[in-house]
Amino acid sequence: MDWNANRQHLLANVGKLQALSSDTVKGYLTVSGAGRKTAHLDEQTRQLISLAVAVTTRCDGCISIHANEAVKAGATREQLAEALGVAVAMNAGAALVYSTRAMEAFEDALSA
């Protein structure tokens, strides 16, 4: 995938959506920018978290945007690798937790 072209294409399409439903995009931008106002985390950390979440939610557009923003914020490959390691651990952890739920549902079905 050409991530730079993907990002440009995505931004153009968001612009089209904004023309049709400006409040939707405005609402997203409000939520997205809320964390910046508190300034408890720096931009680099926010972008690395965003990338990790983008991986766990499988959002290619989010990956495209936040990879670019992480580079702009000065993130290193090593920092990215660490953030992605957290994403991998969380997905594995979530699968483990939800496996116990599946086991409970299966047991409930057996006893029904």
C-alpha atoms as a PDB file:
ATOM      1  CA  MET A   1       0.000   0.000   0.000  1.00  0.00           C
ATOM      2  CA  ASP A   2       1.149   3.520  -0.728  1.00  0.00           C
ATOM      3  CA  TRP A   3       0.473   5.032   2.703  1.00  0.00           C
ATOM      4  CA  ASN A   4       1.143   8.606   1.589  1.00  0.00           C
ATOM      5  CA  ALA A   5      -1.350   8.310  -1.282  1.00  0.00           C
ATOM      6  CA  ASN A   6      -3.788   6.590   1.082  1.00  0.00           C
ATOM      7  CA  ARG A   7      -3.548   9.506   3.518  1.00  0.00           C
ATOM      8  CA  GLN A   8      -4.134  12.094   0.769  1.00  0.00           C
ATOM      9  CA  HIS A   9      -7.085  10.112  -0.598  1.00  0.00           C
ATOM     10  CA  LEU A  10      -8.569   9.756   2.880  1.00  0.00           C
ATOM     11  CA  LEU A  11      -8.242  13.461   3.648  1.00  0.00           C
ATOM     12  CA  ALA A  12      -9.902  14.346   0.340  1.00  0.00           C
ATOM     13  CA  ASN A  13     -12.804  12.022   1.123  1.00  0.00           C
ATOM     14  CA  VAL A  14     -13.157  13.421   4.637  1.00  0.00           C
ATOM     15  CA  GLY A  15     -13.401  16.826   2.980  1.00  0.00           C
ATOM     16  CA  LYS A  16     -16.249  15.508   0.817  1.00  0.00           C
ATOM     17  CA  LEU A  17     -18.009  14.131   3.898  1.00  0.00           C
ATOM     18  CA  GLN A  18     -17.511  17.451   5.653  1.00  0.00           C
ATOM     19  CA  ALA A  19     -19.241  19.226   2.769  1.00  0.00           C
ATOM     20  CA  LEU A  20     -22.233  16.911   3.155  1.00  0.00           C
ATOM     21  CA  SER A  21     -22.286  16.604   6.949  1.00  0.00           C
ATOM     22  CA  SER A  22     -20.158  19.272   8.553  1.00  0.00           C
ATOM     23  CA  ASP A  23     -21.365  18.541  12.088  1.00  0.00           C
ATOM     24  CA  THR A  24     -20.157  14.942  11.848  1.00  0.00           C
ATOM     25  CA  VAL A  25     -16.622  15.999  10.984  1.00  0.00           C
ATOM     26  CA  LYS A  26     -16.755  18.899  13.437  1.00  0.00           C
ATOM     27  CA  GLY A  27     -17.792  16.486  16.194  1.00  0.00           C
ATOM     28  CA  TYR A  28     -14.932  14.149  15.378  1.00  0.00           C
ATOM     29  CA  LEU A  29     -12.432  17.025  15.369  1.00  0.00           C
ATOM     30  CA  THR A  30     -13.738  18.193  18.758  1.00  0.00           C
ATOM     31  CA  VAL A  31     -13.312  14.746  20.308  1.00  0.00           C
ATOM     32  CA  SER A  32      -9.972  14.220  18.600  1.00  0.00           C
ATOM     33  CA  GLY A  33      -8.566  17.529  19.810  1.00  0.00           C
ATOM     34  CA  ALA A  34      -9.852  17.326  23.382  1.00  0.00           C
ATOM     35  CA  GLY A  35      -6.715  15.628  24.708  1.00  0.00           C
ATOM     36  CA  ARG A  36      -4.459  18.334  23.350  1.00  0.00           C
ATOM     37  CA  LYS A  37      -6.182  20.883  25.549  1.00  0.00           C
ATOM     38  CA  THR A  38      -5.173  19.182  28.787  1.00  0.00           C
ATOM     39  CA  ALA A  39      -1.517  18.889  27.739  1.00  0.00           C
ATOM     40  CA  HIS A  40      -0.904  15.988  30.130  1.00  0.00           C
ATOM     41  CA  LEU A  41       0.678  13.979  27.316  1.00  0.00           C
ATOM     42  CA  ASP A  42       2.971  15.305  24.651  1.00  0.00           C
ATOM     43  CA  GLU A  43       2.054  15.065  20.963  1.00  0.00           C
ATOM     44  CA  GLN A  44       4.508  12.246  20.307  1.00  0.00           C
ATOM     45  CA  THR A  45       2.964  10.084  23.031  1.00  0.00           C
ATOM     46  CA  ARG A  46      -0.563  10.832  21.815  1.00  0.00           C
ATOM     47  CA  GLN A  47       0.381   9.821  18.274  1.00  0.00           C
ATOM     48  CA  LEU A  48       2.065   6.598  19.401  1.00  0.00           C
ATOM     49  CA  ILE A  49      -1.018   5.705  21.442  1.00  0.00           C
ATOM     50  CA  SER A  50      -3.161   6.524  18.418  1.00  0.00           C
ATOM     51  CA  LEU A  51      -1.081   4.200  16.265  1.00  0.00           C
ATOM     52  CA  ALA A  52      -1.329   1.375  18.777  1.00  0.00           C
ATOM     53  CA  VAL A  53      -5.097   1.795  18.952  1.00  0.00           C
ATOM     54  CA  ALA A  54      -5.293   2.016  15.148  1.00  0.00           C
ATOM     55  CA  VAL A  55      -3.556  -1.364  14.956  1.00  0.00           C
ATOM     56  CA  THR A  56      -5.932  -2.953  17.457  1.00  0.00           C
ATOM     57  CA  THR A  57      -8.974  -1.558  15.637  1.00  0.00           C
ATOM     58  CA  ARG A  58      -7.545  -2.392  12.195  1.00  0.00           C
ATOM     59  CA  CYS A  59      -8.055   1.133  10.851  1.00  0.00           C
ATOM     60  CA  ASP A  60      -5.797   1.658   7.823  1.00  0.00           C
ATOM     61  CA  GLY A  61      -6.810   5.291   7.503  1.00  0.00           C
ATOM     62  CA  CYS A  62      -5.946   5.883  11.160  1.00  0.00           C
ATOM     63  CA  ILE A  63      -2.585   4.167  10.673  1.00  0.00           C
ATOM     64  CA  SER A  64      -1.895   6.381   7.670  1.00  0.00           C
ATOM     65  CA  ILE A  65      -2.731   9.619   9.470  1.00  0.00           C
ATOM     66  CA  HIS A  66      -1.135   8.840  12.830  1.00  0.00           C
ATOM     67  CA  ALA A  67       2.068   7.371  11.373  1.00  0.00           C
ATOM     68  CA  ASN A  68       2.590  10.664   9.581  1.00  0.00           C
ATOM     69  CA  GLU A  69       1.757  12.674  12.702  1.00  0.00           C
ATOM     70  CA  ALA A  70       4.085  10.513  14.836  1.00  0.00           C
ATOM     71  CA  VAL A  71       6.950  11.207  12.422  1.00  0.00           C
ATOM     72  CA  LYS A  72       6.175  14.939  12.575  1.00  0.00           C
ATOM     73  CA  ALA A  73       6.181  14.738  16.388  1.00  0.00           C
ATOM     74  CA  GLY A  74       9.663  13.189  16.334  1.00  0.00           C
ATOM     75  CA  ALA A  75       8.843   9.585  17.204  1.00  0.00           C
ATOM     76  CA  THR A  76      11.594   7.064  16.527  1.00  0.00           C
ATOM     77  CA  ARG A  77      11.347   3.582  15.043  1.00  0.00           C
ATOM     78  CA  GLU A  78      12.242   2.188  18.451  1.00  0.00           C
ATOM     79  CA  GLN A  79       9.420   4.102  20.149  1.00  0.00           C
ATOM     80  CA  LEU A  80       7.024   2.930  17.463  1.00  0.00           C
ATOM     81  CA  ALA A  81       8.107  -0.675  17.968  1.00  0.00           C
ATOM     82  CA  GLU A  82       7.486  -0.377  21.704  1.00  0.00           C
ATOM     83  CA  ALA A  83       4.033   1.136  21.176  1.00  0.00           C
ATOM     84  CA  LEU A  84       3.176  -1.603  18.680  1.00  0.00           C
ATOM     85  CA  GLY A  85       4.375  -4.190  21.188  1.00  0.00           C
ATOM     86  CA  VAL A  86       1.771  -2.844  23.600  1.00  0.00           C
ATOM     87  CA  ALA A  87      -0.882  -3.140  20.872  1.00  0.00           C
ATOM     88  CA  VAL A  88       0.081  -6.772  20.271  1.00  0.00           C
ATOM     89  CA  ALA A  89      -0.020  -7.517  23.989  1.00  0.00           C
ATOM     90  CA  MET A  90      -3.437  -5.875  24.336  1.00  0.00           C
ATOM     91  CA  ASN A  91      -4.890  -7.852  21.440  1.00  0.00           C
ATOM     92  CA  ALA A  92      -3.545 -11.069  22.908  1.00  0.00           C
ATOM     93  CA  GLY A  93      -4.824 -10.048  26.333  1.00  0.00           C
ATOM     94  CA  ALA A  94      -8.248  -9.209  24.948  1.00  0.00           C
ATOM     95  CA  ALA A  95      -8.385 -12.573  23.182  1.00  0.00           C
ATOM     96  CA  LEU A  96      -7.486 -14.295  26.450  1.00  0.00           C
ATOM     97  CA  VAL A  97     -10.175 -12.419  28.401  1.00  0.00           C
ATOM     98  CA  TYR A  98     -12.826 -13.013  25.737  1.00  0.00           C
ATOM     99  CA  SER A  99     -11.846 -16.667  25.531  1.00  0.00           C
ATOM    100  CA  THR A 100     -13.027 -17.029  29.127  1.00  0.00           C
ATOM    101  CA  ARG A 101     -16.329 -15.429  28.127  1.00  0.00           C
ATOM    102  CA  ALA A 102     -16.689 -17.872  25.227  1.00  0.00           C
ATOM    103  CA  MET A 103     -15.996 -20.751  27.612  1.00  0.00           C
ATOM    104  CA  GLU A 104     -18.708 -19.473  29.984  1.00  0.00           C
ATOM    105  CA  ALA A 105     -21.200 -19.095  27.116  1.00  0.00           C
ATOM    106  CA  PHE A 106     -20.383 -22.614  25.936  1.00  0.00           C
ATOM    107  CA  GLU A 107     -20.878 -24.019  29.431  1.00  0.00           C
ATOM    108  CA  ASP A 108     -24.190 -22.172  29.743  1.00  0.00           C
ATOM    109  CA  ALA A 109     -25.308 -23.634  26.399  1.00  0.00           C
ATOM    110  CA  LEU A 110     -24.366 -27.142  27.535  1.00  0.00           C
ATOM    111  CA  SER A 111     -26.415 -26.811  30.704  1.00  0.00           C
ATOM    112  CA  ALA A 112     -29.490 -25.340  28.955  1.00  0.00           C
END
